[in-house]
N, C-alpha and C. Protein backbone atom coordinates (compact mmCIF):
# COMPACT_ATOMS: atom_id res chain seq x y z
N MET A 1 -32.40 13.47 -29.61
CA MET A 1 -33.38 13.02 -28.49
C MET A 1 -33.84 11.80 -28.11
N ARG A 2 -33.41 11.06 -26.80
CA ARG A 2 -33.71 9.73 -27.04
C ARG A 2 -34.82 9.56 -26.03
N SER A 3 -35.43 8.36 -25.66
CA SER A 3 -36.56 7.94 -25.20
C SER A 3 -36.48 6.87 -24.38
N CYS A 4 -36.12 6.83 -22.86
CA CYS A 4 -35.39 5.82 -22.16
C CYS A 4 -36.69 5.19 -20.88
N PHE A 5 -36.63 4.13 -21.00
CA PHE A 5 -37.39 3.48 -20.02
C PHE A 5 -36.54 2.52 -19.16
N TYR A 6 -36.46 2.10 -17.89
CA TYR A 6 -35.53 1.62 -17.32
C TYR A 6 -36.72 0.91 -16.93
N ALA A 7 -36.99 -0.73 -17.17
CA ALA A 7 -37.56 -1.44 -16.81
C ALA A 7 -37.48 -2.48 -15.67
N GLY A 8 -36.25 -2.51 -15.55
CA GLY A 8 -35.50 -3.26 -14.34
C GLY A 8 -34.93 -4.38 -14.56
N SER A 9 -33.93 -5.13 -14.06
CA SER A 9 -33.49 -6.57 -14.46
C SER A 9 -32.10 -6.90 -14.62
N TYR A 10 -31.46 -7.88 -13.71
CA TYR A 10 -30.09 -8.47 -13.82
C TYR A 10 -30.56 -9.83 -14.25
N MET A 11 -29.61 -9.74 -15.59
CA MET A 11 -30.46 -11.18 -16.15
C MET A 11 -29.44 -11.73 -15.70
N THR A 12 -29.72 -13.54 -15.96
CA THR A 12 -28.98 -14.51 -15.85
C THR A 12 -27.88 -14.78 -16.64
N THR A 13 -25.64 -15.94 -18.40
CA THR A 13 -24.26 -16.66 -18.47
C THR A 13 -23.57 -16.22 -18.71
N ARG A 14 -23.67 -14.73 -19.47
CA ARG A 14 -22.73 -14.48 -20.53
C ARG A 14 -22.69 -12.59 -19.67
N THR A 15 -21.39 -12.09 -19.51
CA THR A 15 -21.09 -10.94 -19.23
C THR A 15 -19.79 -10.35 -19.86
N LYS A 16 -19.77 -9.52 -19.86
CA LYS A 16 -18.25 -8.48 -20.92
C LYS A 16 -18.02 -7.71 -19.80
N LYS A 17 -16.60 -7.94 -19.38
CA LYS A 17 -16.34 -6.76 -18.41
C LYS A 17 -15.33 -5.56 -18.89
N SER A 18 -15.43 -4.73 -18.41
CA SER A 18 -14.35 -3.52 -19.44
C SER A 18 -12.74 -4.09 -18.61
N LYS A 19 -11.97 -2.93 -19.17
CA LYS A 19 -10.54 -3.09 -18.46
C LYS A 19 -10.74 -3.02 -16.71
N ALA A 20 -11.97 -2.29 -16.47
CA ALA A 20 -11.64 -1.89 -14.96
C ALA A 20 -12.35 -2.72 -14.00
N GLY A 21 -12.83 -3.87 -14.91
CA GLY A 21 -13.74 -5.26 -14.57
C GLY A 21 -15.23 -4.88 -14.00
N SER A 22 -15.86 -3.73 -14.35
CA SER A 22 -16.74 -3.44 -13.91
C SER A 22 -17.94 -4.51 -15.35
N VAL A 23 -19.32 -4.70 -15.26
CA VAL A 23 -19.69 -5.04 -16.08
C VAL A 23 -20.69 -3.96 -16.99
N LYS A 24 -20.27 -4.20 -18.48
CA LYS A 24 -20.95 -3.52 -19.69
C LYS A 24 -22.27 -3.51 -19.73
N PRO A 25 -22.81 -3.26 -20.55
CA PRO A 25 -24.38 -3.49 -20.77
C PRO A 25 -24.59 -4.09 -22.19
N LEU A 26 -25.43 -5.13 -21.89
CA LEU A 26 -25.80 -5.99 -23.14
C LEU A 26 -26.54 -4.96 -24.37
N LYS A 27 -26.16 -4.25 -25.23
CA LYS A 27 -27.08 -3.17 -26.35
C LYS A 27 -28.06 -4.02 -27.25
N ILE A 28 -29.42 -4.31 -26.99
CA ILE A 28 -29.74 -5.10 -28.13
C ILE A 28 -30.23 -4.05 -28.96
N TYR A 29 -30.62 -4.48 -30.42
CA TYR A 29 -30.64 -3.40 -31.36
C TYR A 29 -31.98 -4.27 -31.70
N THR A 30 -33.31 -4.08 -32.17
CA THR A 30 -34.23 -4.62 -33.22
C THR A 30 -34.79 -3.63 -34.37
N ASP A 31 -35.26 -4.10 -35.17
CA ASP A 31 -35.60 -3.56 -36.83
C ASP A 31 -36.83 -4.17 -36.90
N ALA A 32 -37.90 -3.99 -38.28
CA ALA A 32 -38.56 -4.27 -38.90
C ALA A 32 -38.06 -3.57 -40.45
N SER A 33 -38.61 -4.93 -41.25
CA SER A 33 -38.56 -4.36 -42.68
C SER A 33 -39.67 -4.65 -43.19
N VAL A 34 -40.65 -4.09 -43.62
CA VAL A 34 -42.29 -4.26 -44.70
C VAL A 34 -42.02 -3.80 -45.94
N SER A 35 -42.30 -4.70 -46.89
CA SER A 35 -42.48 -4.65 -48.08
C SER A 35 -43.66 -4.21 -48.61
N ARG A 36 -43.97 -3.55 -49.91
CA ARG A 36 -45.42 -3.31 -50.34
C ARG A 36 -46.24 -4.44 -50.45
N ASP A 37 -45.80 -5.79 -50.56
CA ASP A 37 -46.99 -6.79 -50.53
C ASP A 37 -47.00 -7.17 -49.23
N GLY A 38 -46.72 -6.11 -48.20
CA GLY A 38 -47.07 -6.28 -46.63
C GLY A 38 -46.32 -7.76 -45.97
N SER A 39 -45.23 -8.34 -46.81
CA SER A 39 -44.30 -9.23 -45.77
C SER A 39 -43.34 -8.60 -45.23
N ALA A 40 -43.11 -9.38 -44.28
CA ALA A 40 -42.28 -8.58 -43.43
C ALA A 40 -40.92 -9.41 -42.64
N GLY A 41 -39.79 -8.92 -42.77
CA GLY A 41 -38.62 -9.53 -41.82
C GLY A 41 -38.10 -8.76 -40.38
N THR A 42 -37.93 -9.56 -39.41
CA THR A 42 -37.59 -8.60 -38.09
C THR A 42 -35.98 -9.13 -38.08
N ALA A 43 -35.03 -8.28 -37.40
CA ALA A 43 -34.19 -8.91 -36.69
C ALA A 43 -33.69 -8.13 -35.58
N ALA A 44 -33.01 -9.03 -34.60
CA ALA A 44 -32.36 -8.42 -33.26
C ALA A 44 -31.20 -8.92 -33.30
N VAL A 45 -30.02 -7.95 -33.09
CA VAL A 45 -28.64 -8.34 -32.52
C VAL A 45 -28.39 -7.97 -31.54
N ALA A 46 -27.14 -8.17 -30.65
CA ALA A 46 -26.77 -7.96 -29.46
C ALA A 46 -25.14 -7.37 -30.04
N LEU A 47 -25.07 -6.19 -29.66
CA LEU A 47 -23.63 -5.50 -29.59
C LEU A 47 -23.18 -5.26 -27.85
N TYR A 48 -21.98 -5.13 -27.97
CA TYR A 48 -21.25 -4.97 -26.52
C TYR A 48 -20.69 -4.17 -26.85
N SER A 49 -21.10 -2.97 -25.77
CA SER A 49 -20.09 -1.46 -25.73
C SER A 49 -18.29 -1.61 -26.33
N ASP A 50 -17.63 -2.66 -26.10
CA ASP A 50 -16.44 -2.64 -26.44
C ASP A 50 -16.44 -3.15 -27.97
N GLU A 51 -17.42 -3.61 -28.63
CA GLU A 51 -17.37 -4.38 -30.03
C GLU A 51 -17.79 -3.71 -30.98
N ASN A 52 -17.55 -4.13 -32.30
CA ASN A 52 -18.01 -3.21 -33.24
C ASN A 52 -18.95 -4.14 -34.07
N GLU A 53 -19.09 -5.62 -34.04
CA GLU A 53 -19.33 -7.00 -34.82
C GLU A 53 -20.93 -7.24 -33.86
N PRO A 54 -21.38 -6.88 -34.13
CA PRO A 54 -23.03 -7.51 -33.46
C PRO A 54 -23.15 -9.13 -34.00
N GLU A 55 -23.45 -9.75 -32.72
CA GLU A 55 -24.08 -10.69 -32.60
C GLU A 55 -25.22 -11.18 -33.04
N LEU A 56 -25.88 -11.63 -34.22
CA LEU A 56 -26.92 -12.24 -34.49
C LEU A 56 -27.92 -12.96 -33.13
N LEU A 57 -29.25 -12.20 -33.05
CA LEU A 57 -29.74 -13.16 -31.93
C LEU A 57 -30.94 -13.97 -32.81
N SER A 58 -31.73 -12.71 -33.67
CA SER A 58 -32.93 -13.54 -34.38
C SER A 58 -32.92 -12.88 -35.73
N ARG A 59 -33.29 -13.37 -36.33
CA ARG A 59 -34.24 -13.10 -38.02
C ARG A 59 -34.93 -13.99 -38.48
N LYS A 60 -35.96 -13.10 -38.52
CA LYS A 60 -37.60 -13.83 -38.56
C LYS A 60 -38.35 -13.61 -39.98
N HIS A 61 -38.97 -13.89 -40.82
CA HIS A 61 -39.74 -13.66 -41.63
C HIS A 61 -41.18 -13.74 -41.33
N PHE A 62 -42.10 -12.96 -42.05
CA PHE A 62 -43.61 -13.33 -41.52
C PHE A 62 -44.19 -12.93 -43.32
N PRO A 63 -45.08 -13.69 -43.73
CA PRO A 63 -45.42 -13.59 -44.78
C PRO A 63 -46.53 -12.67 -45.23
N SER A 64 -46.61 -12.51 -46.07
CA SER A 64 -48.01 -11.33 -46.53
C SER A 64 -49.13 -11.36 -45.51
N GLN A 65 -49.49 -9.99 -44.88
CA GLN A 65 -50.77 -10.08 -44.32
C GLN A 65 -50.66 -10.53 -42.98
N CYS A 66 -49.45 -11.24 -42.46
CA CYS A 66 -49.52 -11.85 -41.36
C CYS A 66 -49.55 -10.40 -40.27
N LEU A 67 -48.87 -9.65 -40.94
CA LEU A 67 -48.78 -8.17 -39.74
C LEU A 67 -48.96 -7.03 -40.73
N SER A 68 -49.94 -6.08 -40.24
CA SER A 68 -50.62 -5.12 -41.24
C SER A 68 -49.27 -3.89 -41.60
N ASN A 69 -48.72 -3.82 -40.30
CA ASN A 69 -48.41 -2.34 -41.04
C ASN A 69 -46.92 -2.36 -40.17
N ASN A 70 -46.12 -1.84 -40.32
CA ASN A 70 -44.40 -1.44 -39.65
C ASN A 70 -44.53 -1.28 -38.22
N ASN A 71 -45.46 -0.63 -37.74
CA ASN A 71 -45.67 -0.73 -36.00
C ASN A 71 -45.76 -2.19 -36.04
N GLU A 72 -46.56 -2.71 -36.37
CA GLU A 72 -46.87 -4.24 -35.75
C GLU A 72 -45.42 -5.28 -36.18
N ALA A 73 -44.69 -5.21 -37.15
CA ALA A 73 -43.66 -5.73 -37.60
C ALA A 73 -42.37 -5.02 -36.32
N GLU A 74 -42.61 -4.04 -35.90
CA GLU A 74 -41.40 -3.67 -35.08
C GLU A 74 -41.56 -4.07 -33.54
N CYS A 75 -42.89 -4.08 -33.27
CA CYS A 75 -43.58 -4.56 -31.80
C CYS A 75 -43.49 -6.20 -31.98
N CYS A 76 -43.48 -6.98 -33.14
CA CYS A 76 -43.22 -7.92 -32.98
C CYS A 76 -41.65 -8.45 -33.00
N GLY A 77 -40.66 -7.71 -33.80
CA GLY A 77 -39.45 -7.55 -33.38
C GLY A 77 -38.49 -7.38 -32.10
N ALA A 78 -39.68 -6.69 -31.62
CA ALA A 78 -39.10 -6.35 -29.75
C ALA A 78 -39.49 -7.53 -28.95
N ILE A 79 -40.62 -8.08 -29.71
CA ILE A 79 -41.02 -9.12 -28.27
C ILE A 79 -40.10 -10.07 -28.52
N ILE A 80 -39.24 -10.39 -29.92
CA ILE A 80 -38.67 -11.42 -30.54
C ILE A 80 -37.32 -11.24 -29.48
N ALA A 81 -36.81 -10.26 -29.61
CA ALA A 81 -35.51 -9.50 -29.37
C ALA A 81 -35.65 -9.84 -27.38
N VAL A 82 -36.51 -9.26 -26.88
CA VAL A 82 -36.86 -9.71 -25.28
C VAL A 82 -36.77 -11.15 -25.08
N ASP A 83 -37.51 -11.98 -25.74
CA ASP A 83 -37.31 -13.50 -25.64
C ASP A 83 -36.04 -14.17 -25.79
N SER A 84 -35.46 -13.41 -26.95
CA SER A 84 -33.97 -13.80 -26.98
C SER A 84 -33.42 -14.16 -26.06
N VAL A 85 -33.28 -12.62 -25.68
CA VAL A 85 -32.17 -12.27 -24.18
C VAL A 85 -32.69 -13.08 -23.13
N LEU A 86 -34.45 -13.25 -23.08
CA LEU A 86 -34.47 -14.51 -21.74
C LEU A 86 -34.17 -16.22 -22.18
N ARG A 87 -33.94 -16.59 -23.71
CA ARG A 87 -33.82 -17.79 -23.60
C ARG A 87 -31.92 -17.99 -23.50
N ARG A 88 -31.14 -16.78 -23.79
CA ARG A 88 -29.67 -17.40 -23.69
C ARG A 88 -29.25 -16.87 -21.90
N GLU A 89 -30.50 -16.51 -21.48
CA GLU A 89 -29.93 -16.54 -19.83
C GLU A 89 -28.25 -15.71 -19.73
N TYR A 90 -28.21 -14.23 -20.21
CA TYR A 90 -27.37 -13.19 -19.95
C TYR A 90 -27.19 -13.23 -18.11
N LYS A 91 -26.41 -13.51 -17.66
CA LYS A 91 -26.25 -13.07 -16.35
C LYS A 91 -25.48 -11.68 -15.74
N GLY A 92 -25.97 -11.36 -14.82
CA GLY A 92 -25.71 -9.96 -14.24
C GLY A 92 -25.30 -8.91 -15.40
N VAL A 93 -26.12 -8.54 -16.35
CA VAL A 93 -25.74 -7.45 -17.86
C VAL A 93 -27.23 -6.86 -17.70
N LEU A 94 -27.10 -5.34 -17.14
CA LEU A 94 -28.03 -4.48 -17.88
C LEU A 94 -28.42 -4.72 -19.22
N ALA A 95 -29.74 -4.91 -19.33
CA ALA A 95 -30.04 -5.09 -21.49
C ALA A 95 -30.82 -4.15 -21.44
N ILE A 96 -30.41 -3.17 -22.87
CA ILE A 96 -30.78 -1.87 -23.24
C ILE A 96 -31.34 -2.12 -24.80
N VAL A 97 -32.63 -2.14 -24.84
CA VAL A 97 -33.16 -2.34 -26.05
C VAL A 97 -33.45 -1.31 -26.92
N HIS A 98 -32.36 -1.38 -28.25
CA HIS A 98 -32.50 -0.10 -29.22
C HIS A 98 -33.66 -0.22 -30.22
N THR A 99 -34.42 0.67 -30.53
CA THR A 99 -35.52 0.65 -31.33
C THR A 99 -35.17 2.07 -32.12
N ASP A 100 -35.72 1.85 -33.42
CA ASP A 100 -35.85 3.10 -34.20
C ASP A 100 -37.19 3.42 -34.45
N ASN A 101 -37.84 2.62 -33.78
CA ASN A 101 -39.37 2.99 -34.07
C ASN A 101 -40.16 3.57 -32.60
N TYR A 102 -40.62 4.52 -31.86
CA TYR A 102 -41.03 5.73 -31.33
C TYR A 102 -41.92 4.69 -30.75
N ARG A 103 -42.61 4.15 -31.65
CA ARG A 103 -44.05 3.52 -30.57
C ARG A 103 -43.53 2.32 -29.85
N VAL A 104 -42.42 2.06 -30.41
CA VAL A 104 -41.79 0.66 -29.49
C VAL A 104 -41.55 1.35 -27.93
N ALA A 105 -40.42 2.35 -28.26
CA ALA A 105 -39.96 2.72 -27.26
C ALA A 105 -41.31 3.54 -26.13
N GLN A 106 -42.27 3.80 -26.67
CA GLN A 106 -43.11 4.69 -26.01
C GLN A 106 -43.99 3.18 -25.15
N VAL A 107 -43.54 2.28 -25.50
CA VAL A 107 -44.25 0.67 -24.49
C VAL A 107 -43.32 0.64 -23.63
N GLY A 108 -42.26 0.92 -24.09
CA GLY A 108 -40.97 0.87 -22.44
C GLY A 108 -41.32 1.55 -21.82
N ARG A 109 -41.77 2.84 -22.27
CA ARG A 109 -42.26 3.71 -21.01
C ARG A 109 -43.12 3.62 -20.37
N ARG A 110 -44.40 2.56 -20.46
CA ARG A 110 -45.41 2.12 -20.17
C ARG A 110 -46.76 3.16 -21.20
N GLU A 111 -46.15 3.99 -21.92
CA GLU A 111 -47.24 4.75 -22.67
C GLU A 111 -47.85 3.71 -23.77
N VAL A 112 -48.53 2.92 -23.20
CA VAL A 112 -49.54 1.68 -24.45
C VAL A 112 -51.04 1.92 -24.70
N ASP A 113 -51.10 2.23 -26.27
CA ASP A 113 -52.38 2.61 -26.70
C ASP A 113 -53.32 1.13 -26.85
N PRO A 114 -54.02 1.47 -25.66
CA PRO A 114 -54.84 -0.47 -25.96
C PRO A 114 -55.34 -0.37 -26.89
N ALA A 115 -55.96 0.21 -28.12
CA ALA A 115 -56.32 0.23 -29.34
C ALA A 115 -55.33 -0.49 -30.39
N ARG A 116 -53.99 -0.54 -29.97
CA ARG A 116 -52.98 -1.08 -30.66
C ARG A 116 -52.63 -2.37 -29.96
N PRO A 117 -53.45 -3.89 -30.27
CA PRO A 117 -53.05 -4.80 -29.36
C PRO A 117 -51.30 -5.45 -29.56
N TRP A 118 -50.86 -4.97 -30.65
CA TRP A 118 -49.00 -5.21 -30.64
C TRP A 118 -48.68 -4.95 -29.55
N GLU A 119 -48.75 -3.33 -29.26
CA GLU A 119 -48.14 -2.83 -27.98
C GLU A 119 -48.50 -3.46 -26.75
N VAL A 120 -49.86 -3.80 -26.98
CA VAL A 120 -50.27 -4.74 -25.15
C VAL A 120 -49.41 -5.48 -25.25
N GLU A 121 -49.26 -6.58 -26.21
CA GLU A 121 -48.69 -7.83 -26.40
C GLU A 121 -47.10 -7.38 -26.09
N LEU A 122 -46.51 -6.34 -26.78
CA LEU A 122 -45.15 -6.33 -26.32
C LEU A 122 -44.80 -5.85 -24.68
N LEU A 123 -46.12 -4.77 -24.44
CA LEU A 123 -46.20 -4.90 -22.80
C LEU A 123 -46.26 -5.87 -21.98
N ARG A 124 -46.94 -6.94 -22.52
CA ARG A 124 -47.01 -8.10 -21.37
C ARG A 124 -45.37 -8.96 -21.50
N THR A 125 -45.05 -8.90 -22.58
CA THR A 125 -43.95 -9.78 -22.83
C THR A 125 -42.72 -8.75 -21.83
N VAL A 126 -42.67 -7.36 -21.45
CA VAL A 126 -41.99 -6.87 -20.63
C VAL A 126 -42.03 -6.93 -19.65
N GLU A 127 -43.58 -7.04 -19.02
CA GLU A 127 -43.71 -7.87 -17.71
C GLU A 127 -42.86 -9.33 -17.18
N ALA A 128 -43.62 -9.84 -18.27
CA ALA A 128 -43.01 -11.00 -17.99
C ALA A 128 -41.34 -11.16 -18.13
N TYR A 129 -40.76 -10.20 -18.42
CA TYR A 129 -39.29 -10.18 -17.75
C TYR A 129 -39.10 -9.78 -17.06
N GLU A 130 -39.82 -8.84 -16.58
CA GLU A 130 -39.46 -7.87 -15.34
C GLU A 130 -39.83 -9.40 -14.32
N ARG A 131 -40.69 -9.70 -14.39
CA ARG A 131 -41.33 -10.78 -13.03
C ARG A 131 -39.60 -11.71 -13.01
N GLU A 132 -38.88 -12.05 -14.13
CA GLU A 132 -37.88 -13.00 -13.76
C GLU A 132 -36.60 -12.66 -13.72
N HIS A 133 -36.61 -11.08 -13.96
CA HIS A 133 -35.09 -10.55 -13.99
C HIS A 133 -35.33 -9.19 -13.35
N PRO A 134 -36.06 -8.92 -11.81
CA PRO A 134 -36.15 -7.55 -11.40
C PRO A 134 -34.54 -7.26 -11.76
N ARG A 135 -34.99 -5.62 -11.85
CA ARG A 135 -33.89 -4.61 -12.53
C ARG A 135 -32.65 -5.17 -13.47
N GLY A 136 -33.18 -4.82 -14.55
CA GLY A 136 -32.13 -4.68 -16.11
C GLY A 136 -32.90 -4.75 -17.47
N LEU A 137 -33.86 -4.25 -17.10
CA LEU A 137 -34.15 -4.12 -19.20
C LEU A 137 -34.47 -2.18 -19.22
N MET A 138 -34.31 -2.10 -20.44
CA MET A 138 -34.41 -0.74 -20.56
C MET A 138 -34.78 -0.49 -22.13
N PHE A 139 -35.87 0.41 -22.40
CA PHE A 139 -35.78 0.74 -23.58
C PHE A 139 -35.39 1.96 -24.17
N GLU A 140 -34.71 2.29 -25.35
CA GLU A 140 -33.87 3.50 -25.87
C GLU A 140 -34.42 3.85 -27.38
N TRP A 141 -34.84 5.24 -27.67
CA TRP A 141 -34.99 5.42 -29.64
C TRP A 141 -33.93 5.43 -29.81
N VAL A 142 -33.54 5.34 -30.89
CA VAL A 142 -32.33 5.49 -31.79
C VAL A 142 -32.74 6.01 -32.97
N ARG A 143 -32.11 7.18 -33.45
CA ARG A 143 -32.53 7.39 -34.75
C ARG A 143 -32.07 6.62 -35.79
N SER A 144 -33.06 6.13 -36.68
CA SER A 144 -32.83 5.37 -37.77
C SER A 144 -31.85 6.01 -39.03
N HIS A 145 -30.88 5.21 -39.67
CA HIS A 145 -30.02 5.28 -40.81
C HIS A 145 -29.06 6.73 -40.22
N SER A 146 -28.64 6.74 -38.86
CA SER A 146 -27.52 7.43 -39.27
C SER A 146 -26.34 7.64 -38.48
N GLY A 147 -26.03 5.50 -39.10
CA GLY A 147 -24.35 5.60 -38.71
C GLY A 147 -24.65 4.46 -37.42
N ASP A 148 -25.74 4.68 -36.27
CA ASP A 148 -25.05 3.42 -35.46
C ASP A 148 -25.15 2.15 -35.81
N VAL A 149 -23.92 1.52 -35.53
CA VAL A 149 -23.50 0.40 -36.08
C VAL A 149 -24.49 -0.66 -35.84
N GLY A 150 -25.05 -0.87 -34.22
CA GLY A 150 -26.29 -1.71 -34.17
C GLY A 150 -27.15 -1.40 -35.24
N ASN A 151 -27.96 0.04 -35.18
CA ASN A 151 -29.23 -0.18 -35.44
C ASN A 151 -28.76 -0.31 -37.27
N THR A 152 -27.98 0.00 -37.70
CA THR A 152 -27.69 -0.33 -39.19
C THR A 152 -27.05 -1.78 -39.65
N HIS A 153 -27.03 -2.89 -38.45
CA HIS A 153 -27.25 -3.87 -38.54
C HIS A 153 -28.26 -4.79 -38.43
N ALA A 154 -29.10 -4.19 -37.87
CA ALA A 154 -30.53 -4.77 -37.55
C ALA A 154 -31.31 -4.48 -38.57
N ASP A 155 -30.98 -3.06 -39.22
CA ASP A 155 -31.88 -2.50 -40.08
C ASP A 155 -31.39 -3.81 -41.51
N LYS A 156 -30.30 -4.08 -41.74
CA LYS A 156 -29.89 -4.86 -42.96
C LYS A 156 -30.29 -6.64 -42.69
N GLU A 157 -30.06 -6.77 -41.25
CA GLU A 157 -31.03 -8.53 -41.20
C GLU A 157 -32.04 -8.30 -41.43
N ALA A 158 -32.67 -7.22 -41.07
CA ALA A 158 -34.10 -7.52 -41.18
C ALA A 158 -34.79 -7.17 -42.79
N ARG A 159 -34.07 -6.55 -43.40
CA ARG A 159 -34.17 -6.78 -45.01
C ARG A 159 -33.76 -7.47 -45.60
N ARG A 160 -32.82 -8.55 -45.07
CA ARG A 160 -32.44 -9.62 -45.44
C ARG A 160 -33.44 -10.75 -45.13
N VAL A 161 -33.67 -10.90 -44.41
CA VAL A 161 -34.75 -12.11 -44.20
C VAL A 161 -35.96 -11.73 -44.90
N ARG A 162 -36.52 -10.35 -45.03
CA ARG A 162 -37.70 -10.17 -45.97
C ARG A 162 -37.51 -10.33 -47.06
N MET A 163 -36.33 -10.06 -47.63
CA MET A 163 -36.04 -10.72 -49.63
C MET A 163 -35.93 -12.05 -49.80
N ASP A 164 -35.35 -12.70 -48.22
CA ASP A 164 -35.23 -14.24 -48.53
C ASP A 164 -35.72 -14.78 -47.24
N PRO A 165 -36.86 -15.44 -47.87
CA PRO A 165 -37.12 -16.38 -46.03
C PRO A 165 -36.16 -16.68 -45.54
N GLY A 166 -35.68 -18.11 -46.50
CA GLY A 166 -34.74 -18.98 -46.15
C GLY A 166 -33.72 -18.24 -45.02
N GLU A 167 -33.28 -17.48 -45.24
CA GLU A 167 -32.21 -16.45 -44.07
C GLU A 167 -32.83 -16.68 -42.89
N ALA A 168 -34.19 -16.84 -42.51
CA ALA A 168 -34.29 -16.92 -40.99
C ALA A 168 -34.29 -18.07 -40.07
N THR A 169 -33.48 -17.00 -38.59
CA THR A 169 -32.99 -18.50 -37.56
C THR A 169 -34.04 -19.67 -37.32
N LYS A 170 -33.41 -20.55 -36.88
CA LYS A 170 -34.48 -21.55 -36.74
C LYS A 170 -34.99 -21.68 -34.99
N GLU A 171 -34.55 -20.63 -34.19
CA GLU A 171 -35.04 -20.87 -32.70
C GLU A 171 -36.80 -20.67 -33.28
N PRO A 172 -37.39 -21.15 -32.29
CA PRO A 172 -39.28 -21.25 -32.43
C PRO A 172 -39.35 -19.57 -32.07
N LEU A 173 -40.52 -19.29 -32.41
CA LEU A 173 -41.18 -18.16 -32.25
C LEU A 173 -41.73 -17.92 -30.76
N PRO A 174 -41.74 -17.06 -29.79
CA PRO A 174 -42.03 -17.15 -28.28
C PRO A 174 -43.63 -17.61 -28.77
N SER A 175 -43.82 -17.93 -27.21
CA SER A 175 -45.27 -18.92 -27.19
C SER A 175 -46.23 -17.79 -27.69
N ASN A 176 -46.23 -16.79 -26.79
CA ASN A 176 -47.65 -15.47 -26.51
C ASN A 176 -47.50 -14.93 -28.16
N LEU A 177 -46.10 -15.32 -29.26
CA LEU A 177 -46.42 -14.35 -30.45
C LEU A 177 -47.23 -15.26 -31.28
N ILE A 178 -47.19 -16.72 -31.15
CA ILE A 178 -47.23 -17.53 -31.96
C ILE A 178 -48.96 -17.44 -31.60
N GLN A 179 -49.64 -17.26 -30.30
CA GLN A 179 -51.18 -17.09 -29.73
C GLN A 179 -51.39 -15.96 -30.74
N LYS A 180 -50.67 -14.48 -30.56
CA LYS A 180 -51.01 -13.50 -31.12
C LYS A 180 -51.34 -13.71 -32.72
N LEU A 181 -50.16 -14.20 -33.27
CA LEU A 181 -50.49 -14.02 -34.75
C LEU A 181 -51.91 -15.50 -35.29
N THR A 182 -51.65 -16.40 -34.69
CA THR A 182 -52.64 -17.13 -35.10
C THR A 182 -54.21 -16.74 -34.49
N SER A 183 -54.28 -15.62 -33.65
CA SER A 183 -55.85 -15.08 -32.70
C SER A 183 -55.97 -13.99 -33.99
N ASP A 184 -55.38 -13.40 -34.84
CA ASP A 184 -55.27 -12.39 -35.62
C ASP A 184 -55.77 -12.77 -37.06
N SER A 185 -56.07 -14.13 -37.17
CA SER A 185 -56.02 -14.38 -38.39
C SER A 185 -57.40 -15.26 -38.80
């Protein structure tokens, strides 16, 4: 079963072409890992359809009590993934955000629960992306722990940064995410 939403957008520097010359979509995988003490790690990786080794886009650590559950951590990871694609300015490539969290995929389809503020924030990020890049953002649900190379790599990176905060990548958090984290405290 797949849950997809085509949110629109052709992006703006890096493309991969197939042997036939057509542009292949950029696959973004995002995942989160939350420990019993409440600390969380999120990761986003990029995988081109003709490659098996994902490129790390982002790996972030969130201390205990910063995010209250796995769905919030997954939404946070998706916000960072979309922001990572925007900052890298990929040109002419359809971006497909793969997630093993069904709530995140639902947000991509505009099925947002207003009582879940992290879903609302993710939707705002998607809408901001669409304003800058009409035609090229899609969300797809993938089954977790099923051997999908990108999902497995994102899961491994999220667990890695949750267990060792020093493994976080150095790029800044998106400003809307900083505002959300500080307003909830």
